[in-house]
Structure formats: C-alpha cells, structure tokens
PDB file of all heavy atoms in Angstrom:
ATOM      1  N   ARG A   1      10.531   0.948   9.677  1.00  0.00           N
ATOM      2  CA  ARG A   1      10.313  -0.495   9.726  1.00  0.00           C
ATOM      3  C   ARG A   1       9.032  -0.919   9.015  1.00  0.00           C
ATOM      4  O   ARG A   1       8.761  -2.122   8.874  1.00  0.00           O
ATOM      5  CB  ARG A   1      10.300  -0.982  11.182  1.00  0.00           C
ATOM      6  CG  ARG A   1      11.579  -0.711  11.953  1.00  0.00           C
ATOM      7  CD  ARG A   1      11.769  -1.673  13.105  1.00  0.00           C
ATOM      8  NE  ARG A   1      11.941  -3.043  12.638  1.00  0.00           N
ATOM      9  CZ  ARG A   1      12.060  -4.106  13.470  1.00  0.00           C
ATOM     10  NH1 ARG A   1      12.004  -3.931  14.772  1.00  0.00           N
ATOM     11  NH2 ARG A   1      12.210  -5.326  12.972  1.00  0.00           N
ATOM     12  N   LEU A   2       8.252   0.039   8.567  1.00  0.00           N
ATOM     13  CA  LEU A   2       6.993  -0.304   7.903  1.00  0.00           C
ATOM     14  C   LEU A   2       7.223  -1.061   6.599  1.00  0.00           C
ATOM     15  O   LEU A   2       6.429  -1.932   6.224  1.00  0.00           O
ATOM     16  CB  LEU A   2       6.184   0.963   7.640  1.00  0.00           C
ATOM     17  CG  LEU A   2       5.640   1.673   8.887  1.00  0.00           C
ATOM     18  CD1 LEU A   2       4.999   3.012   8.510  1.00  0.00           C
ATOM     19  CD2 LEU A   2       4.634   0.783   9.618  1.00  0.00           C
ATOM     20  N   SER A   3       8.317  -0.755   5.897  1.00  0.00           N
ATOM     21  CA  SER A   3       8.610  -1.457   4.644  1.00  0.00           C
ATOM     22  C   SER A   3       8.916  -2.932   4.902  1.00  0.00           C
ATOM     23  O   SER A   3       8.640  -3.782   4.038  1.00  0.00           O
ATOM     24  CB  SER A   3       9.782  -0.788   3.928  1.00  0.00           C
ATOM     25  OG  SER A   3      10.921  -0.718   4.768  1.00  0.00           O
ATOM     26  N   GLU A   4       9.455  -3.248   6.088  1.00  0.00           N
ATOM     27  CA  GLU A   4       9.702  -4.649   6.440  1.00  0.00           C
ATOM     28  C   GLU A   4       8.388  -5.419   6.512  1.00  0.00           C
ATOM     29  O   GLU A   4       8.309  -6.579   6.086  1.00  0.00           O
ATOM     30  CB  GLU A   4      10.406  -4.737   7.797  1.00  0.00           C
ATOM     31  CG  GLU A   4      11.779  -4.126   7.880  1.00  0.00           C
ATOM     32  CD  GLU A   4      12.336  -4.208   9.296  1.00  0.00           C
ATOM     33  OE1 GLU A   4      12.151  -5.273   9.939  1.00  0.00           O
ATOM     34  OE2 GLU A   4      12.913  -3.220   9.775  1.00  0.00           O
ATOM     35  N   ILE A   5       7.373  -4.782   7.041  1.00  0.00           N
ATOM     36  CA  ILE A   5       6.072  -5.429   7.193  1.00  0.00           C
ATOM     37  C   ILE A   5       5.457  -5.718   5.829  1.00  0.00           C
ATOM     38  O   ILE A   5       4.922  -6.810   5.594  1.00  0.00           O
ATOM     39  CB  ILE A   5       5.141  -4.548   8.046  1.00  0.00           C
ATOM     40  CG1 ILE A   5       5.703  -4.438   9.461  1.00  0.00           C
ATOM     41  CG2 ILE A   5       3.726  -5.104   8.067  1.00  0.00           C
ATOM     42  CD1 ILE A   5       5.025  -3.392  10.311  1.00  0.00           C
ATOM     43  N   LEU A   6       5.541  -4.751   4.915  1.00  0.00           N
ATOM     44  CA  LEU A   6       5.006  -4.971   3.572  1.00  0.00           C
ATOM     45  C   LEU A   6       5.759  -6.085   2.860  1.00  0.00           C
ATOM     46  O   LEU A   6       5.173  -6.840   2.069  1.00  0.00           O
ATOM     47  CB  LEU A   6       5.083  -3.674   2.757  1.00  0.00           C
ATOM     48  CG  LEU A   6       4.303  -2.478   3.299  1.00  0.00           C
ATOM     49  CD1 LEU A   6       4.352  -1.334   2.303  1.00  0.00           C
ATOM     50  CD2 LEU A   6       2.860  -2.842   3.627  1.00  0.00           C
ATOM     51  N   ARG A   7       7.047  -6.195   3.136  1.00  0.00           N
ATOM     52  CA  ARG A   7       7.845  -7.279   2.543  1.00  0.00           C
ATOM     53  C   ARG A   7       7.444  -8.634   3.122  1.00  0.00           C
ATOM     54  O   ARG A   7       7.303  -9.620   2.392  1.00  0.00           O
ATOM     55  CB  ARG A   7       9.328  -7.013   2.822  1.00  0.00           C
ATOM     56  CG  ARG A   7      10.282  -8.100   2.297  1.00  0.00           C
ATOM     57  CD  ARG A   7      11.618  -7.987   3.007  1.00  0.00           C
ATOM     58  NE  ARG A   7      11.477  -8.279   4.438  1.00  0.00           N
ATOM     59  CZ  ARG A   7      12.332  -7.843   5.378  1.00  0.00           C
ATOM     60  NH1 ARG A   7      13.354  -7.074   5.035  1.00  0.00           N
ATOM     61  NH2 ARG A   7      12.145  -8.166   6.641  1.00  0.00           N
ATOM     62  N   ASP A   8       7.233  -8.683   4.434  1.00  0.00           N
ATOM     63  CA  ASP A   8       6.936  -9.953   5.105  1.00  0.00           C
ATOM     64  C   ASP A   8       5.483 -10.373   4.963  1.00  0.00           C
ATOM     65  O   ASP A   8       5.164 -11.568   5.053  1.00  0.00           O
ATOM     66  CB  ASP A   8       7.302  -9.849   6.591  1.00  0.00           C
ATOM     67  CG  ASP A   8       8.789  -9.656   6.823  1.00  0.00           C
ATOM     68  OD1 ASP A   8       9.574  -9.898   5.875  1.00  0.00           O
ATOM     69  OD2 ASP A   8       9.179  -9.255   7.941  1.00  0.00           O
ATOM     70  N   TYR A   9       4.585  -9.395   4.757  1.00  0.00           N
ATOM     71  CA  TYR A   9       3.157  -9.708   4.629  1.00  0.00           C
ATOM     72  C   TYR A   9       2.624  -9.062   3.343  1.00  0.00           C
ATOM     73  O   TYR A   9       2.032  -7.981   3.373  1.00  0.00           O
ATOM     74  CB  TYR A   9       2.378  -9.202   5.844  1.00  0.00           C
ATOM     75  CG  TYR A   9       2.783  -9.872   7.136  1.00  0.00           C
ATOM     76  CD1 TYR A   9       3.631  -9.228   8.042  1.00  0.00           C
ATOM     77  CD2 TYR A   9       2.344 -11.153   7.444  1.00  0.00           C
ATOM     78  CE1 TYR A   9       4.011  -9.849   9.224  1.00  0.00           C
ATOM     79  CE2 TYR A   9       2.723 -11.780   8.626  1.00  0.00           C
ATOM     80  CZ  TYR A   9       3.553 -11.122   9.501  1.00  0.00           C
ATOM     81  OH  TYR A   9       3.927 -11.741  10.672  1.00  0.00           O
ATOM     82  N   PRO A  10       2.806  -9.716   2.214  1.00  0.00           N
ATOM     83  CA  PRO A  10       2.364  -9.152   0.929  1.00  0.00           C
ATOM     84  C   PRO A  10       0.887  -8.788   0.911  1.00  0.00           C
ATOM     85  O   PRO A  10       0.490  -7.868   0.193  1.00  0.00           O
ATOM     86  CB  PRO A  10       2.675 -10.276  -0.069  1.00  0.00           C
ATOM     87  CG  PRO A  10       3.792 -11.048   0.578  1.00  0.00           C
ATOM     88  CD  PRO A  10       3.512 -11.000   2.043  1.00  0.00           C
ATOM     89  N   VAL A  11       0.066  -9.489   1.710  1.00  0.00           N
ATOM     90  CA  VAL A  11      -1.359  -9.180   1.720  1.00  0.00           C
ATOM     91  C   VAL A  11      -1.599  -7.759   2.222  1.00  0.00           C
ATOM     92  O   VAL A  11      -2.520  -7.063   1.757  1.00  0.00           O
ATOM     93  CB  VAL A  11      -2.143 -10.215   2.565  1.00  0.00           C
ATOM     94  CG1 VAL A  11      -1.782 -10.098   4.039  1.00  0.00           C
ATOM     95  CG2 VAL A  11      -3.640 -10.061   2.361  1.00  0.00           C
ATOM     96  N   LEU A  12      -0.773  -7.292   3.138  1.00  0.00           N
ATOM     97  CA  LEU A  12      -0.878  -5.912   3.609  1.00  0.00           C
ATOM     98  C   LEU A  12      -0.339  -4.934   2.571  1.00  0.00           C
ATOM     99  O   LEU A  12      -0.816  -3.798   2.485  1.00  0.00           O
ATOM    100  CB  LEU A  12      -0.130  -5.746   4.943  1.00  0.00           C
ATOM    101  CG  LEU A  12      -0.789  -6.378   6.164  1.00  0.00           C
ATOM    102  CD1 LEU A  12       0.093  -6.195   7.396  1.00  0.00           C
ATOM    103  CD2 LEU A  12      -2.174  -5.792   6.423  1.00  0.00           C
ATOM    104  N   ALA A  13       0.632  -5.375   1.801  1.00  0.00           N
ATOM    105  CA  ALA A  13       1.176  -4.509   0.752  1.00  0.00           C
ATOM    106  C   ALA A  13       0.141  -4.240  -0.331  1.00  0.00           C
ATOM    107  O   ALA A  13       0.196  -3.204  -1.008  1.00  0.00           O
ATOM    108  CB  ALA A  13       2.418  -5.155   0.130  1.00  0.00           C
ATOM    109  N   GLU A  14      -0.811  -5.154  -0.499  1.00  0.00           N
ATOM    110  CA  GLU A  14      -1.834  -4.992  -1.533  1.00  0.00           C
ATOM    111  C   GLU A  14      -3.170  -4.516  -0.989  1.00  0.00           C
ATOM    112  O   GLU A  14      -4.133  -4.364  -1.745  1.00  0.00           O
ATOM    113  CB  GLU A  14      -2.027  -6.329  -2.265  1.00  0.00           C
ATOM    114  CG  GLU A  14      -0.799  -6.806  -3.011  1.00  0.00           C
ATOM    115  CD  GLU A  14      -0.295  -5.764  -3.999  1.00  0.00           C
ATOM    116  OE1 GLU A  14      -1.129  -5.145  -4.684  1.00  0.00           O
ATOM    117  OE2 GLU A  14       0.924  -5.562  -4.072  1.00  0.00           O
ATOM    118  N   ALA A  15      -3.243  -4.281   0.304  1.00  0.00           N
ATOM    119  CA  ALA A  15      -4.505  -3.863   0.919  1.00  0.00           C
ATOM    120  C   ALA A  15      -4.675  -2.352   0.863  1.00  0.00           C
ATOM    121  O   ALA A  15      -3.724  -1.598   1.064  1.00  0.00           O
ATOM    122  CB  ALA A  15      -4.546  -4.320   2.386  1.00  0.00           C
ATOM    123  N   GLN A  16      -5.893  -1.913   0.572  1.00  0.00           N
ATOM    124  CA  GLN A  16      -6.260  -0.505   0.608  1.00  0.00           C
ATOM    125  C   GLN A  16      -5.355   0.374  -0.251  1.00  0.00           C
ATOM    126  O   GLN A  16      -5.084   1.525   0.093  1.00  0.00           O
ATOM    127  CB  GLN A  16      -6.236   0.008   2.062  1.00  0.00           C
ATOM    128  CG  GLN A  16      -7.118  -0.765   3.031  1.00  0.00           C
ATOM    129  CD  GLN A  16      -8.571  -0.732   2.622  1.00  0.00           C
ATOM    130  OE1 GLN A  16      -9.048  -1.616   1.951  1.00  0.00           O
ATOM    131  NE2 GLN A  16      -9.273   0.294   3.019  1.00  0.00           N
ATOM    132  N   VAL A  17      -4.868  -0.166  -1.355  1.00  0.00           N
ATOM    133  CA  VAL A  17      -3.915   0.563  -2.192  1.00  0.00           C
ATOM    134  C   VAL A  17      -4.582   1.766  -2.865  1.00  0.00           C
ATOM    135  O   VAL A  17      -5.660   1.662  -3.453  1.00  0.00           O
ATOM    136  CB  VAL A  17      -3.290  -0.366  -3.261  1.00  0.00           C
ATOM    137  CG1 VAL A  17      -2.511   0.454  -4.288  1.00  0.00           C
ATOM    138  CG2 VAL A  17      -2.387  -1.392  -2.598  1.00  0.00           C
ATOM    139  N   LEU A  18      -3.904   2.893  -2.764  1.00  0.00           N
ATOM    140  CA  LEU A  18      -4.336   4.122  -3.406  1.00  0.00           C
ATOM    141  C   LEU A  18      -3.118   4.704  -4.116  1.00  0.00           C
ATOM    142  O   LEU A  18      -2.127   5.045  -3.473  1.00  0.00           O
ATOM    143  CB  LEU A  18      -4.863   5.108  -2.365  1.00  0.00           C
ATOM    144  CG  LEU A  18      -5.462   6.428  -2.863  1.00  0.00           C
ATOM    145  CD1 LEU A  18      -6.770   6.172  -3.600  1.00  0.00           C
ATOM    146  CD2 LEU A  18      -5.701   7.366  -1.690  1.00  0.00           C
ATOM    147  N   THR A  19      -3.169   4.784  -5.435  1.00  0.00           N
ATOM    148  CA  THR A  19      -2.029   5.308  -6.179  1.00  0.00           C
ATOM    149  C   THR A  19      -2.072   6.833  -6.195  1.00  0.00           C
ATOM    150  O   THR A  19      -3.088   7.450  -5.863  1.00  0.00           O
ATOM    151  CB  THR A  19      -2.027   4.791  -7.627  1.00  0.00           C
ATOM    152  OG1 THR A  19      -3.163   5.342  -8.315  1.00  0.00           O
ATOM    153  CG2 THR A  19      -2.086   3.271  -7.665  1.00  0.00           C
ATOM    154  N   LEU A  20      -0.969   7.416  -6.620  1.00  0.00           N
ATOM    155  CA  LEU A  20      -0.897   8.885  -6.703  1.00  0.00           C
ATOM    156  C   LEU A  20      -1.974   9.419  -7.644  1.00  0.00           C
ATOM    157  O   LEU A  20      -2.655  10.401  -7.340  1.00  0.00           O
ATOM    158  CB  LEU A  20       0.495   9.308  -7.176  1.00  0.00           C
ATOM    159  CG  LEU A  20       0.783  10.804  -7.222  1.00  0.00           C
ATOM    160  CD1 LEU A  20       0.636  11.425  -5.845  1.00  0.00           C
ATOM    161  CD2 LEU A  20       2.198  11.044  -7.757  1.00  0.00           C
ATOM    162  N   ARG A  21      -2.154   8.761  -8.763  1.00  0.00           N
ATOM    163  CA  ARG A  21      -3.173   9.195  -9.729  1.00  0.00           C
ATOM    164  C   ARG A  21      -4.585   9.028  -9.156  1.00  0.00           C
ATOM    165  O   ARG A  21      -5.421   9.926  -9.290  1.00  0.00           O
ATOM    166  CB  ARG A  21      -3.026   8.399 -11.021  1.00  0.00           C
ATOM    167  CG  ARG A  21      -4.007   8.815 -12.107  1.00  0.00           C
ATOM    168  CD  ARG A  21      -3.740   8.057 -13.397  1.00  0.00           C
ATOM    169  NE  ARG A  21      -4.648   8.462 -14.450  1.00  0.00           N
ATOM    170  CZ  ARG A  21      -4.630   7.974 -15.693  1.00  0.00           C
ATOM    171  NH1 ARG A  21      -3.703   7.060 -16.018  1.00  0.00           N
ATOM    172  NH2 ARG A  21      -5.484   8.385 -16.590  1.00  0.00           N
ATOM    173  N   GLU A  22      -4.832   7.906  -8.526  1.00  0.00           N
ATOM    174  CA  GLU A  22      -6.154   7.662  -7.949  1.00  0.00           C
ATOM    175  C   GLU A  22      -6.478   8.636  -6.829  1.00  0.00           C
ATOM    176  O   GLU A  22      -7.637   8.997  -6.626  1.00  0.00           O
ATOM    177  CB  GLU A  22      -6.236   6.223  -7.428  1.00  0.00           C
ATOM    178  CG  GLU A  22      -6.260   5.162  -8.493  1.00  0.00           C
ATOM    179  CD  GLU A  22      -6.104   3.757  -7.944  1.00  0.00           C
ATOM    180  OE1 GLU A  22      -5.524   3.607  -6.849  1.00  0.00           O
ATOM    181  OE2 GLU A  22      -6.547   2.803  -8.607  1.00  0.00           O
ATOM    182  N   SER A  23      -5.449   9.062  -6.112  1.00  0.00           N
ATOM    183  CA  SER A  23      -5.684   9.929  -4.953  1.00  0.00           C
ATOM    184  C   SER A  23      -6.283  11.276  -5.346  1.00  0.00           C
ATOM    185  O   SER A  23      -6.971  11.913  -4.536  1.00  0.00           O
ATOM    186  CB  SER A  23      -4.378  10.149  -4.184  1.00  0.00           C
ATOM    187  OG  SER A  23      -3.474  10.972  -4.918  1.00  0.00           O
ATOM    188  N   LEU A  24      -6.036  11.708  -6.574  1.00  0.00           N
ATOM    189  CA  LEU A  24      -6.553  13.014  -6.994  1.00  0.00           C
ATOM    190  C   LEU A  24      -8.075  13.048  -6.972  1.00  0.00           C
ATOM    191  O   LEU A  24      -8.673  14.094  -6.713  1.00  0.00           O
ATOM    192  CB  LEU A  24      -6.038  13.355  -8.390  1.00  0.00           C
ATOM    193  CG  LEU A  24      -4.515  13.456  -8.536  1.00  0.00           C
ATOM    194  CD1 LEU A  24      -4.143  13.739  -9.988  1.00  0.00           C
ATOM    195  CD2 LEU A  24      -3.954  14.526  -7.606  1.00  0.00           C
ATOM    196  N   SER A  25      -8.712  11.911  -7.218  1.00  0.00           N
ATOM    197  CA  SER A  25     -10.170  11.861  -7.225  1.00  0.00           C
ATOM    198  C   SER A  25     -10.756  11.950  -5.812  1.00  0.00           C
ATOM    199  O   SER A  25     -11.950  12.205  -5.653  1.00  0.00           O
ATOM    200  CB  SER A  25     -10.665  10.585  -7.909  1.00  0.00           C
ATOM    201  OG  SER A  25     -10.284   9.437  -7.171  1.00  0.00           O
ATOM    202  N   CYS A  26      -9.931  11.743  -4.804  1.00  0.00           N
ATOM    203  CA  CYS A  26     -10.427  11.817  -3.426  1.00  0.00           C
ATOM    204  C   CYS A  26     -10.911  13.226  -3.076  1.00  0.00           C
ATOM    205  O   CYS A  26     -11.775  13.398  -2.215  1.00  0.00           O
ATOM    206  CB  CYS A  26      -9.333  11.407  -2.446  1.00  0.00           C
ATOM    207  SG  CYS A  26      -8.866   9.663  -2.555  1.00  0.00           S
TER     208      CYS A  26
END
C-alpha cells in the first residue's frame, strides 16, 4: 500500500529521494 501513498501525496514521493546511482556514494 506504500505506492498508494506516493500516488496520493506527491510531496512524499519527492522527499528524501535517493537514486540507485546516488546510493553508491553512501
């Protein structure tokens, strides 16, 4: 159901975004 939340609240879909490429630097 988490995908429903990202659909209903776009601000959460764009919050704290970490892409696969960016994650390598972690």
